[in-house]
Amino acid sequence: TPEGLNTPGKRALYNNLDKNEELAMKIDETIRKTRPDAWRGVQAREQV
């Protein structure tokens, strides 16, 4: 596993994206920038 995948979330993305580290890191960064607070279970926030 590459060194940059230092959280369980990043590793889960990496393992489910055909071991594409660049894509996993890009998705991680995107989610961290865009996720609203308390988004789970709120359809409008999940759509964001």
ModelCIF file with pLDDT and N, C-alpha, C, O atoms, coordinates in Angstrom:
data_MODEL
#
_entry.id   MODEL 
#
_entity.id                         1 
_entity.type                       polymer 
_entity.pdbx_number_of_molecules   1 
#
_entity_poly.entity_id                      1 
_entity_poly.type                           'polypeptide(L)' 
_entity_poly.nstd_linkage                   no 
_entity_poly.nstd_monomer                   no 
_entity_poly.pdbx_seq_one_letter_code       TPEGLNTPGKRALYNNLDKNEELAMKIDETIRKTRPDAWRGVQAREQV 
_entity_poly.pdbx_seq_one_letter_code_can   TPEGLNTPGKRALYNNLDKNEELAMKIDETIRKTRPDAWRGVQAREQV 
_entity_poly.pdbx_strand_id                 A 
#
loop_
_entity_poly_seq.entity_id 
_entity_poly_seq.num 
_entity_poly_seq.mon_id 
_entity_poly_seq.hetero 
1 1  THR n 
1 2  PRO n 
1 3  GLU n 
1 4  GLY n 
1 5  LEU n 
1 6  ASN n 
1 7  THR n 
1 8  PRO n 
1 9  GLY n 
1 10 LYS n 
1 11 ARG n 
1 12 ALA n 
1 13 LEU n 
1 14 TYR n 
1 15 ASN n 
1 16 ASN n 
1 17 LEU n 
1 18 ASP n 
1 19 LYS n 
1 20 ASN n 
1 21 GLU n 
1 22 GLU n 
1 23 LEU n 
1 24 ALA n 
1 25 MET n 
1 26 LYS n 
1 27 ILE n 
1 28 ASP n 
1 29 GLU n 
1 30 THR n 
1 31 ILE n 
1 32 ARG n 
1 33 LYS n 
1 34 THR n 
1 35 ARG n 
1 36 PRO n 
1 37 ASP n 
1 38 ALA n 
1 39 TRP n 
1 40 ARG n 
1 41 GLY n 
1 42 VAL n 
1 43 GLN n 
1 44 ALA n 
1 45 ARG n 
1 46 GLU n 
1 47 GLN n 
1 48 VAL n 
#
_struct_asym.id          A 
_struct_asym.entity_id   1 
#
loop_
_ma_qa_metric.id 
_ma_qa_metric.mode 
_ma_qa_metric.name 
_ma_qa_metric.software_group_id 
_ma_qa_metric.type 
1 global pLDDT . pLDDT 
2 local  pLDDT . pLDDT 
#
_ma_qa_metric_global.metric_id      1 
_ma_qa_metric_global.metric_value   93.35 
_ma_qa_metric_global.model_id       1 
_ma_qa_metric_global.ordinal_id     1 
#
loop_
_ma_qa_metric_local.label_asym_id 
_ma_qa_metric_local.label_comp_id 
_ma_qa_metric_local.label_seq_id 
_ma_qa_metric_local.metric_id 
_ma_qa_metric_local.metric_value 
_ma_qa_metric_local.model_id 
_ma_qa_metric_local.ordinal_id 
A THR 1  2 74.00 1 1  
A PRO 2  2 82.00 1 2  
A GLU 3  2 81.00 1 3  
A GLY 4  2 85.00 1 4  
A LEU 5  2 88.00 1 5  
A ASN 6  2 88.00 1 6  
A THR 7  2 90.00 1 7  
A PRO 8  2 90.00 1 8  
A GLY 9  2 93.00 1 9  
A LYS 10 2 94.00 1 10 
A ARG 11 2 91.00 1 11 
A ALA 12 2 92.00 1 12 
A LEU 13 2 95.00 1 13 
A TYR 14 2 93.00 1 14 
A ASN 15 2 90.00 1 15 
A ASN 16 2 93.00 1 16 
A LEU 17 2 94.00 1 17 
A ASP 18 2 92.00 1 18 
A LYS 19 2 91.00 1 19 
A ASN 20 2 94.00 1 20 
A GLU 21 2 94.00 1 21 
A GLU 22 2 96.00 1 22 
A LEU 23 2 97.00 1 23 
A ALA 24 2 96.00 1 24 
A MET 25 2 96.00 1 25 
A LYS 26 2 97.00 1 26 
A ILE 27 2 97.00 1 27 
A ASP 28 2 97.00 1 28 
A GLU 29 2 97.00 1 29 
A THR 30 2 97.00 1 30 
A ILE 31 2 96.00 1 31 
A ARG 32 2 96.00 1 32 
A LYS 33 2 96.00 1 33 
A THR 34 2 96.00 1 34 
A ARG 35 2 96.00 1 35 
A PRO 36 2 96.00 1 36 
A ASP 37 2 95.00 1 37 
A ALA 38 2 95.00 1 38 
A TRP 39 2 96.00 1 39 
A ARG 40 2 95.00 1 40 
A GLY 41 2 95.00 1 41 
A VAL 42 2 96.00 1 42 
A GLN 43 2 96.00 1 43 
A ALA 44 2 96.00 1 44 
A ARG 45 2 96.00 1 45 
A GLU 46 2 97.00 1 46 
A GLN 47 2 97.00 1 47 
A VAL 48 2 97.00 1 48 
#
loop_
_atom_site.group_PDB 
_atom_site.id 
_atom_site.type_symbol 
_atom_site.label_atom_id 
_atom_site.label_alt_id 
_atom_site.label_comp_id 
_atom_site.label_asym_id 
_atom_site.label_entity_id 
_atom_site.label_seq_id 
_atom_site.pdbx_PDB_ins_code 
_atom_site.Cartn_x 
_atom_site.Cartn_y 
_atom_site.Cartn_z 
_atom_site.occupancy 
_atom_site.B_iso_or_equiv 
_atom_site.pdbx_formal_charge 
_atom_site.auth_seq_id 
_atom_site.auth_comp_id 
_atom_site.auth_asym_id 
_atom_site.auth_atom_id 
_atom_site.pdbx_PDB_model_num 
ATOM 1   N N  . THR A 1 1  ? 0.843   -1.193 0.000  1.00 74.00 ? 1  THR A N  1 
ATOM 2   C CA . THR A 1 1  ? 0.000   0.000  0.000  1.00 74.00 ? 1  THR A CA 1 
ATOM 3   C C  . THR A 1 1  ? 0.879   1.243  0.000  1.00 74.00 ? 1  THR A C  1 
ATOM 4   O O  . THR A 1 1  ? 1.803   1.342  0.807  1.00 74.00 ? 1  THR A O  1 
ATOM 5   N N  . PRO A 1 2  ? 0.605   2.199  -0.897 1.00 82.00 ? 2  PRO A N  1 
ATOM 6   C CA . PRO A 1 2  ? 1.406   3.423  -0.954 1.00 82.00 ? 2  PRO A CA 1 
ATOM 7   C C  . PRO A 1 2  ? 1.341   4.223  0.352  1.00 82.00 ? 2  PRO A C  1 
ATOM 8   O O  . PRO A 1 2  ? 0.335   4.194  1.061  1.00 82.00 ? 2  PRO A O  1 
ATOM 9   N N  . GLU A 1 3  ? 2.407   4.922  0.649  1.00 81.00 ? 3  GLU A N  1 
ATOM 10  C CA . GLU A 1 3  ? 2.531   5.698  1.884  1.00 81.00 ? 3  GLU A CA 1 
ATOM 11  C C  . GLU A 1 3  ? 1.454   6.765  2.038  1.00 81.00 ? 3  GLU A C  1 
ATOM 12  O O  . GLU A 1 3  ? 0.995   7.018  3.151  1.00 81.00 ? 3  GLU A O  1 
ATOM 13  N N  . GLY A 1 4  ? 1.042   7.394  0.937  1.00 85.00 ? 4  GLY A N  1 
ATOM 14  C CA . GLY A 1 4  ? 0.072   8.487  1.003  1.00 85.00 ? 4  GLY A CA 1 
ATOM 15  C C  . GLY A 1 4  ? -1.306  8.061  1.468  1.00 85.00 ? 4  GLY A C  1 
ATOM 16  O O  . GLY A 1 4  ? -2.117  8.908  1.844  1.00 85.00 ? 4  GLY A O  1 
ATOM 17  N N  . LEU A 1 5  ? -1.586  6.785  1.450  1.00 88.00 ? 5  LEU A N  1 
ATOM 18  C CA . LEU A 1 5  ? -2.892  6.274  1.852  1.00 88.00 ? 5  LEU A CA 1 
ATOM 19  C C  . LEU A 1 5  ? -2.862  5.989  3.347  1.00 88.00 ? 5  LEU A C  1 
ATOM 20  O O  . LEU A 1 5  ? -2.850  4.838  3.782  1.00 88.00 ? 5  LEU A O  1 
ATOM 21  N N  . ASN A 1 6  ? -2.850  7.068  4.118  1.00 88.00 ? 6  ASN A N  1 
ATOM 22  C CA . ASN A 1 6  ? -2.611  6.967  5.547  1.00 88.00 ? 6  ASN A CA 1 
ATOM 23  C C  . ASN A 1 6  ? -3.875  6.982  6.406  1.00 88.00 ? 6  ASN A C  1 
ATOM 24  O O  . ASN A 1 6  ? -3.788  7.122  7.626  1.00 88.00 ? 6  ASN A O  1 
ATOM 25  N N  . THR A 1 7  ? -5.037  6.843  5.791  1.00 90.00 ? 7  THR A N  1 
ATOM 26  C CA . THR A 1 7  ? -6.283  6.764  6.551  1.00 90.00 ? 7  THR A CA 1 
ATOM 27  C C  . THR A 1 7  ? -7.114  5.596  6.021  1.00 90.00 ? 7  THR A C  1 
ATOM 28  O O  . THR A 1 7  ? -6.945  5.173  4.877  1.00 90.00 ? 7  THR A O  1 
ATOM 29  N N  . PRO A 1 8  ? -8.003  5.083  6.854  1.00 90.00 ? 8  PRO A N  1 
ATOM 30  C CA . PRO A 1 8  ? -8.848  3.977  6.378  1.00 90.00 ? 8  PRO A CA 1 
ATOM 31  C C  . PRO A 1 8  ? -9.708  4.368  5.173  1.00 90.00 ? 8  PRO A C  1 
ATOM 32  O O  . PRO A 1 8  ? -9.931  3.543  4.286  1.00 90.00 ? 8  PRO A O  1 
ATOM 33  N N  . GLY A 1 9  ? -10.184 5.589  5.130  1.00 93.00 ? 9  GLY A N  1 
ATOM 34  C CA . GLY A 1 9  ? -10.997 6.033  4.008  1.00 93.00 ? 9  GLY A CA 1 
ATOM 35  C C  . GLY A 1 9  ? -10.232 6.039  2.695  1.00 93.00 ? 9  GLY A C  1 
ATOM 36  O O  . GLY A 1 9  ? -10.737 5.577  1.672  1.00 93.00 ? 9  GLY A O  1 
ATOM 37  N N  . LYS A 1 10 ? -9.021  6.558  2.727  1.00 94.00 ? 10 LYS A N  1 
ATOM 38  C CA . LYS A 1 10 ? -8.186  6.575  1.522  1.00 94.00 ? 10 LYS A CA 1 
ATOM 39  C C  . LYS A 1 10 ? -7.876  5.165  1.055  1.00 94.00 ? 10 LYS A C  1 
ATOM 40  O O  . LYS A 1 10 ? -7.896  4.879  -0.142 1.00 94.00 ? 10 LYS A O  1 
ATOM 41  N N  . ARG A 1 11 ? -7.587  4.274  2.017  1.00 91.00 ? 11 ARG A N  1 
ATOM 42  C CA . ARG A 1 11 ? -7.285  2.890  1.646  1.00 91.00 ? 11 ARG A CA 1 
ATOM 43  C C  . ARG A 1 11 ? -8.516  2.196  1.068  1.00 91.00 ? 11 ARG A C  1 
ATOM 44  O O  . ARG A 1 11 ? -8.399  1.408  0.131  1.00 91.00 ? 11 ARG A O  1 
ATOM 45  N N  . ALA A 1 12 ? -9.693  2.483  1.620  1.00 92.00 ? 12 ALA A N  1 
ATOM 46  C CA . ALA A 1 12 ? -10.928 1.886  1.091  1.00 92.00 ? 12 ALA A CA 1 
ATOM 47  C C  . ALA A 1 12 ? -11.170 2.346  -0.340 1.00 92.00 ? 12 ALA A C  1 
ATOM 48  O O  . ALA A 1 12 ? -11.545 1.547  -1.198 1.00 92.00 ? 12 ALA A O  1 
ATOM 49  N N  . LEU A 1 13 ? -10.957 3.627  -0.597 1.00 95.00 ? 13 LEU A N  1 
ATOM 50  C CA . LEU A 1 13 ? -11.122 4.142  -1.964 1.00 95.00 ? 13 LEU A CA 1 
ATOM 51  C C  . LEU A 1 13 ? -10.115 3.478  -2.898 1.00 95.00 ? 13 LEU A C  1 
ATOM 52  O O  . LEU A 1 13 ? -10.477 3.011  -3.978 1.00 95.00 ? 13 LEU A O  1 
ATOM 53  N N  . TYR A 1 14 ? -8.868  3.438  -2.485 1.00 93.00 ? 14 TYR A N  1 
ATOM 54  C CA . TYR A 1 14 ? -7.797  2.849  -3.287 1.00 93.00 ? 14 TYR A CA 1 
ATOM 55  C C  . TYR A 1 14 ? -8.118  1.389  -3.642 1.00 93.00 ? 14 TYR A C  1 
ATOM 56  O O  . TYR A 1 14 ? -7.986  0.978  -4.795 1.00 93.00 ? 14 TYR A O  1 
ATOM 57  N N  . ASN A 1 15 ? -8.536  0.626  -2.648 1.00 90.00 ? 15 ASN A N  1 
ATOM 58  C CA . ASN A 1 15 ? -8.827  -0.792 -2.867 1.00 90.00 ? 15 ASN A CA 1 
ATOM 59  C C  . ASN A 1 15 ? -10.039 -1.016 -3.761 1.00 90.00 ? 15 ASN A C  1 
ATOM 60  O O  . ASN A 1 15 ? -10.144 -2.057 -4.410 1.00 90.00 ? 15 ASN A O  1 
ATOM 61  N N  . ASN A 1 16 ? -10.954 -0.055 -3.803 1.00 93.00 ? 16 ASN A N  1 
ATOM 62  C CA . ASN A 1 16 ? -12.161 -0.203 -4.606 1.00 93.00 ? 16 ASN A CA 1 
ATOM 63  C C  . ASN A 1 16 ? -12.104 0.555  -5.926 1.00 93.00 ? 16 ASN A C  1 
ATOM 64  O O  . ASN A 1 16 ? -13.073 0.553  -6.686 1.00 93.00 ? 16 ASN A O  1 
ATOM 65  N N  . LEU A 1 17 ? -10.992 1.193  -6.198 1.00 94.00 ? 17 LEU A N  1 
ATOM 66  C CA . LEU A 1 17 ? -10.805 1.909  -7.460 1.00 94.00 ? 17 LEU A CA 1 
ATOM 67  C C  . LEU A 1 17 ? -9.644  1.298  -8.246 1.00 94.00 ? 17 LEU A C  1 
ATOM 68  O O  . LEU A 1 17 ? -8.839  2.018  -8.838 1.00 94.00 ? 17 LEU A O  1 
ATOM 69  N N  . ASP A 1 18 ? -9.565  -0.003 -8.247 1.00 92.00 ? 18 ASP A N  1 
ATOM 70  C CA . ASP A 1 18 ? -8.539  -0.740 -8.994 1.00 92.00 ? 18 ASP A CA 1 
ATOM 71  C C  . ASP A 1 18 ? -7.122  -0.284 -8.663 1.00 92.00 ? 18 ASP A C  1 
ATOM 72  O O  . ASP A 1 18 ? -6.263  -0.191 -9.540 1.00 92.00 ? 18 ASP A O  1 
ATOM 73  N N  . LYS A 1 19 ? -6.893  -0.003 -7.381 1.00 91.00 ? 19 LYS A N  1 
ATOM 74  C CA . LYS A 1 19 ? -5.558  0.388  -6.883 1.00 91.00 ? 19 LYS A CA 1 
ATOM 75  C C  . LYS A 1 19 ? -5.037  1.654  -7.570 1.00 91.00 ? 19 LYS A C  1 
ATOM 76  O O  . LYS A 1 19 ? -3.834  1.795  -7.793 1.00 91.00 ? 19 LYS A O  1 
ATOM 77  N N  . ASN A 1 20 ? -5.959  2.579  -7.905 1.00 94.00 ? 20 ASN A N  1 
ATOM 78  C CA . ASN A 1 20 ? -5.598  3.843  -8.547 1.00 94.00 ? 20 ASN A CA 1 
ATOM 79  C C  . ASN A 1 20 ? -5.394  4.896  -7.457 1.00 94.00 ? 20 ASN A C  1 
ATOM 80  O O  . ASN A 1 20 ? -6.352  5.524  -7.006 1.00 94.00 ? 20 ASN A O  1 
ATOM 81  N N  . GLU A 1 21 ? -4.131  5.083  -7.035 1.00 94.00 ? 21 GLU A N  1 
ATOM 82  C CA . GLU A 1 21 ? -3.818  5.995  -5.940 1.00 94.00 ? 21 GLU A CA 1 
ATOM 83  C C  . GLU A 1 21 ? -4.198  7.437  -6.274 1.00 94.00 ? 21 GLU A C  1 
ATOM 84  O O  . GLU A 1 21 ? -4.752  8.146  -5.435 1.00 94.00 ? 21 GLU A O  1 
ATOM 85  N N  . GLU A 1 22 ? -3.903  7.863  -7.481 1.00 96.00 ? 22 GLU A N  1 
ATOM 86  C CA . GLU A 1 22 ? -4.190  9.246  -7.875 1.00 96.00 ? 22 GLU A CA 1 
ATOM 87  C C  . GLU A 1 22 ? -5.695  9.542  -7.788 1.00 96.00 ? 22 GLU A C  1 
ATOM 88  O O  . GLU A 1 22 ? -6.093  10.585 -7.269 1.00 96.00 ? 22 GLU A O  1 
ATOM 89  N N  . LEU A 1 23 ? -6.514  8.639  -8.286 1.00 97.00 ? 23 LEU A N  1 
ATOM 90  C CA . LEU A 1 23 ? -7.959  8.829  -8.243 1.00 97.00 ? 23 LEU A CA 1 
ATOM 91  C C  . LEU A 1 23 ? -8.471  8.786  -6.803 1.00 97.00 ? 23 LEU A C  1 
ATOM 92  O O  . LEU A 1 23 ? -9.335  9.579  -6.430 1.00 97.00 ? 23 LEU A O  1 
ATOM 93  N N  . ALA A 1 24 ? -7.951  7.877  -6.005 1.00 96.00 ? 24 ALA A N  1 
ATOM 94  C CA . ALA A 1 24 ? -8.364  7.788  -4.594 1.00 96.00 ? 24 ALA A CA 1 
ATOM 95  C C  . ALA A 1 24 ? -8.045  9.080  -3.859 1.00 96.00 ? 24 ALA A C  1 
ATOM 96  O O  . ALA A 1 24 ? -8.869  9.573  -3.088 1.00 96.00 ? 24 ALA A O  1 
ATOM 97  N N  . MET A 1 25 ? -6.872  9.628  -4.085 1.00 96.00 ? 25 MET A N  1 
ATOM 98  C CA . MET A 1 25 ? -6.478  10.879 -3.430 1.00 96.00 ? 25 MET A CA 1 
ATOM 99  C C  . MET A 1 25 ? -7.335  12.049 -3.915 1.00 96.00 ? 25 MET A C  1 
ATOM 100 O O  . MET A 1 25 ? -7.712  12.914 -3.124 1.00 96.00 ? 25 MET A O  1 
ATOM 101 N N  . LYS A 1 26 ? -7.638  12.076 -5.201 1.00 97.00 ? 26 LYS A N  1 
ATOM 102 C CA . LYS A 1 26 ? -8.462  13.153 -5.759 1.00 97.00 ? 26 LYS A CA 1 
ATOM 103 C C  . LYS A 1 26 ? -9.879  13.104 -5.181 1.00 97.00 ? 26 LYS A C  1 
ATOM 104 O O  . LYS A 1 26 ? -10.446 14.142 -4.840 1.00 97.00 ? 26 LYS A O  1 
ATOM 105 N N  . ILE A 1 27 ? -10.448 11.905 -5.072 1.00 97.00 ? 27 ILE A N  1 
ATOM 106 C CA . ILE A 1 27 ? -11.792 11.772 -4.502 1.00 97.00 ? 27 ILE A CA 1 
ATOM 107 C C  . ILE A 1 27 ? -11.777 12.158 -3.025 1.00 97.00 ? 27 ILE A C  1 
ATOM 108 O O  . ILE A 1 27 ? -12.682 12.849 -2.556 1.00 97.00 ? 27 ILE A O  1 
ATOM 109 N N  . ASP A 1 28 ? -10.761 11.719 -2.294 1.00 97.00 ? 28 ASP A N  1 
ATOM 110 C CA . ASP A 1 28 ? -10.642 12.076 -0.880 1.00 97.00 ? 28 ASP A CA 1 
ATOM 111 C C  . ASP A 1 28 ? -10.616 13.595 -0.705 1.00 97.00 ? 28 ASP A C  1 
ATOM 112 O O  . ASP A 1 28 ? -11.334 14.144 0.131  1.00 97.00 ? 28 ASP A O  1 
ATOM 113 N N  . GLU A 1 29 ? -9.800  14.252 -1.485 1.00 97.00 ? 29 GLU A N  1 
ATOM 114 C CA . GLU A 1 29 ? -9.687  15.713 -1.414 1.00 97.00 ? 29 GLU A CA 1 
ATOM 115 C C  . GLU A 1 29 ? -11.018 16.377 -1.774 1.00 97.00 ? 29 GLU A C  1 
ATOM 116 O O  . GLU A 1 29 ? -11.440 17.322 -1.108 1.00 97.00 ? 29 GLU A O  1 
ATOM 117 N N  . THR A 1 30 ? -11.672 15.890 -2.815 1.00 97.00 ? 30 THR A N  1 
ATOM 118 C CA . THR A 1 30 ? -12.952 16.446 -3.250 1.00 97.00 ? 30 THR A CA 1 
ATOM 119 C C  . THR A 1 30 ? -14.001 16.322 -2.148 1.00 97.00 ? 30 THR A C  1 
ATOM 120 O O  . THR A 1 30 ? -14.724 17.278 -1.866 1.00 97.00 ? 30 THR A O  1 
ATOM 121 N N  . ILE A 1 31 ? -14.084 15.160 -1.533 1.00 96.00 ? 31 ILE A N  1 
ATOM 122 C CA . ILE A 1 31 ? -15.072 14.934 -0.471 1.00 96.00 ? 31 ILE A CA 1 
ATOM 123 C C  . ILE A 1 31 ? -14.785 15.835 0.718  1.00 96.00 ? 31 ILE A C  1 
ATOM 124 O O  . ILE A 1 31 ? -15.707 16.432 1.275  1.00 96.00 ? 31 ILE A O  1 
ATOM 125 N N  . ARG A 1 32 ? -13.548 15.942 1.107  1.00 96.00 ? 32 ARG A N  1 
ATOM 126 C CA . ARG A 1 32 ? -13.200 16.780 2.265  1.00 96.00 ? 32 ARG A CA 1 
ATOM 127 C C  . ARG A 1 32 ? -13.538 18.250 2.011  1.00 96.00 ? 32 ARG A C  1 
ATOM 128 O O  . ARG A 1 32 ? -13.910 18.965 2.941  1.00 96.00 ? 32 ARG A O  1 
ATOM 129 N N  . LYS A 1 33 ? -13.415 18.704 0.777  1.00 96.00 ? 33 LYS A N  1 
ATOM 130 C CA . LYS A 1 33 ? -13.713 20.101 0.449  1.00 96.00 ? 33 LYS A CA 1 
ATOM 131 C C  . LYS A 1 33 ? -15.212 20.377 0.340  1.00 96.00 ? 33 LYS A C  1 
ATOM 132 O O  . LYS A 1 33 ? -15.663 21.479 0.653  1.00 96.00 ? 33 LYS A O  1 
ATOM 133 N N  . THR A 1 34 ? -15.985 19.384 -0.101 1.00 96.00 ? 34 THR A N  1 
ATOM 134 C CA . THR A 1 34 ? -17.392 19.656 -0.425 1.00 96.00 ? 34 THR A CA 1 
ATOM 135 C C  . THR A 1 34 ? -18.410 19.122 0.571  1.00 96.00 ? 34 THR A C  1 
ATOM 136 O O  . THR A 1 34 ? -19.559 19.564 0.556  1.00 96.00 ? 34 THR A O  1 
ATOM 137 N N  . ARG A 1 35 ? -18.038 18.203 1.422  1.00 96.00 ? 35 ARG A N  1 
ATOM 138 C CA . ARG A 1 35 ? -19.044 17.590 2.297  1.00 96.00 ? 35 ARG A CA 1 
ATOM 139 C C  . ARG A 1 35 ? -19.629 18.599 3.284  1.00 96.00 ? 35 ARG A C  1 
ATOM 140 O O  . ARG A 1 35 ? -18.892 19.309 3.968  1.00 96.00 ? 35 ARG A O  1 
ATOM 141 N N  . PRO A 1 36 ? -20.955 18.655 3.351  1.00 96.00 ? 36 PRO A N  1 
ATOM 142 C CA . PRO A 1 36 ? -21.590 19.504 4.358  1.00 96.00 ? 36 PRO A CA 1 
ATOM 143 C C  . PRO A 1 36 ? -21.548 18.805 5.722  1.00 96.00 ? 36 PRO A C  1 
ATOM 144 O O  . PRO A 1 36 ? -21.381 17.588 5.801  1.00 96.00 ? 36 PRO A O  1 
ATOM 145 N N  . ASP A 1 37 ? -21.701 19.581 6.776  1.00 95.00 ? 37 ASP A N  1 
ATOM 146 C CA . ASP A 1 37 ? -21.776 18.984 8.112  1.00 95.00 ? 37 ASP A CA 1 
ATOM 147 C C  . ASP A 1 37 ? -23.030 18.134 8.223  1.00 95.00 ? 37 ASP A C  1 
ATOM 148 O O  . ASP A 1 37 ? -24.060 18.454 7.629  1.00 95.00 ? 37 ASP A O  1 
ATOM 149 N N  . ALA A 1 38 ? -22.943 17.065 8.976  1.00 95.00 ? 38 ALA A N  1 
ATOM 150 C CA . ALA A 1 38 ? -24.078 16.162 9.243  1.00 95.00 ? 38 ALA A CA 1 
ATOM 151 C C  . ALA A 1 38 ? -24.801 15.774 7.951  1.00 95.00 ? 38 ALA A C  1 
ATOM 152 O O  . ALA A 1 38 ? -26.019 15.917 7.851  1.00 95.00 ? 38 ALA A O  1 
ATOM 153 N N  . TRP A 1 39 ? -24.058 15.289 6.979  1.00 96.00 ? 39 TRP A N  1 
ATOM 154 C CA . TRP A 1 39 ? -24.632 15.005 5.661  1.00 96.00 ? 39 TRP A CA 1 
ATOM 155 C C  . TRP A 1 39 ? -25.295 13.633 5.566  1.00 96.00 ? 39 TRP A C  1 
ATOM 156 O O  . TRP A 1 39 ? -26.162 13.433 4.716  1.00 96.00 ? 39 TRP A O  1 
ATOM 157 N N  . ARG A 1 40 ? -24.915 12.704 6.402  1.00 95.00 ? 40 ARG A N  1 
ATOM 158 C CA . ARG A 1 40 ? -25.473 11.350 6.302  1.00 95.00 ? 40 ARG A CA 1 
ATOM 159 C C  . ARG A 1 40 ? -26.967 11.353 6.604  1.00 95.00 ? 40 ARG A C  1 
ATOM 160 O O  . ARG A 1 40 ? -27.410 11.891 7.618  1.00 95.00 ? 40 ARG A O  1 
ATOM 161 N N  . GLY A 1 41 ? -27.733 10.744 5.706  1.00 95.00 ? 41 GLY A N  1 
ATOM 162 C CA . GLY A 1 41 ? -29.172 10.631 5.902  1.00 95.00 ? 41 GLY A CA 1 
ATOM 163 C C  . GLY A 1 41 ? -29.984 11.835 5.463  1.00 95.00 ? 41 GLY A C  1 
ATOM 164 O O  . GLY A 1 41 ? -31.214 11.806 5.524  1.00 95.00 ? 41 GLY A O  1 
ATOM 165 N N  . VAL A 1 42 ? -29.315 12.898 5.021  1.00 96.00 ? 42 VAL A N  1 
ATOM 166 C CA . VAL A 1 42 ? -30.007 14.098 4.531  1.00 96.00 ? 42 VAL A CA 1 
ATOM 167 C C  . VAL A 1 42 ? -29.814 14.128 3.019  1.00 96.00 ? 42 VAL A C  1 
ATOM 168 O O  . VAL A 1 42 ? -28.722 14.399 2.520  1.00 96.00 ? 42 VAL A O  1 
ATOM 169 N N  . GLN A 1 43 ? -30.892 13.845 2.308  1.00 96.00 ? 43 GLN A N  1 
ATOM 170 C CA . GLN A 1 43 ? -30.780 13.640 0.864  1.00 96.00 ? 43 GLN A CA 1 
ATOM 171 C C  . GLN A 1 43 ? -30.157 14.835 0.142  1.00 96.00 ? 43 GLN A C  1 
ATOM 172 O O  . GLN A 1 43 ? -29.312 14.644 -0.733 1.00 96.00 ? 43 GLN A O  1 
ATOM 173 N N  . ALA A 1 44 ? -30.547 16.040 0.482  1.00 96.00 ? 44 ALA A N  1 
ATOM 174 C CA . ALA A 1 44 ? -30.003 17.226 -0.198 1.00 96.00 ? 44 ALA A CA 1 
ATOM 175 C C  . ALA A 1 44 ? -28.492 17.336 0.009  1.00 96.00 ? 44 ALA A C  1 
ATOM 176 O O  . ALA A 1 44 ? -27.759 17.687 -0.916 1.00 96.00 ? 44 ALA A O  1 
ATOM 177 N N  . ARG A 1 45 ? -28.035 17.038 1.212  1.00 96.00 ? 45 ARG A N  1 
ATOM 178 C CA . ARG A 1 45 ? -26.599 17.113 1.494  1.00 96.00 ? 45 ARG A CA 1 
ATOM 179 C C  . ARG A 1 45 ? -25.843 15.969 0.822  1.00 96.00 ? 45 ARG A C  1 
ATOM 180 O O  . ARG A 1 45 ? -24.716 16.146 0.358  1.00 96.00 ? 45 ARG A O  1 
ATOM 181 N N  . GLU A 1 46 ? -26.464 14.808 0.775  1.00 97.00 ? 46 GLU A N  1 
ATOM 182 C CA . GLU A 1 46 ? -25.837 13.683 0.077  1.00 97.00 ? 46 GLU A CA 1 
ATOM 183 C C  . GLU A 1 46 ? -25.718 13.987 -1.416 1.00 97.00 ? 46 GLU A C  1 
ATOM 184 O O  . GLU A 1 46 ? -24.747 13.576 -2.051 1.00 97.00 ? 46 GLU A O  1 
ATOM 185 N N  . GLN A 1 47 ? -26.676 14.687 -1.975 1.00 97.00 ? 47 GLN A N  1 
ATOM 186 C CA . GLN A 1 47 ? -26.632 15.064 -3.395 1.00 97.00 ? 47 GLN A CA 1 
ATOM 187 C C  . GLN A 1 47 ? -25.465 16.004 -3.684 1.00 97.00 ? 47 GLN A C  1 
ATOM 188 O O  . GLN A 1 47 ? -24.898 15.968 -4.776 1.00 97.00 ? 47 GLN A O  1 
ATOM 189 N N  . VAL A 1 48 ? -25.105 16.842 -2.718 1.00 97.00 ? 48 VAL A N  1 
ATOM 190 C CA . VAL A 1 48 ? -23.942 17.727 -2.884 1.00 97.00 ? 48 VAL A CA 1 
ATOM 191 C C  . VAL A 1 48 ? -22.687 16.880 -3.070 1.00 97.00 ? 48 VAL A C  1 
ATOM 192 O O  . VAL A 1 48 ? -21.594 17.424 -3.228 1.00 97.00 ? 48 VAL A O  1 
#
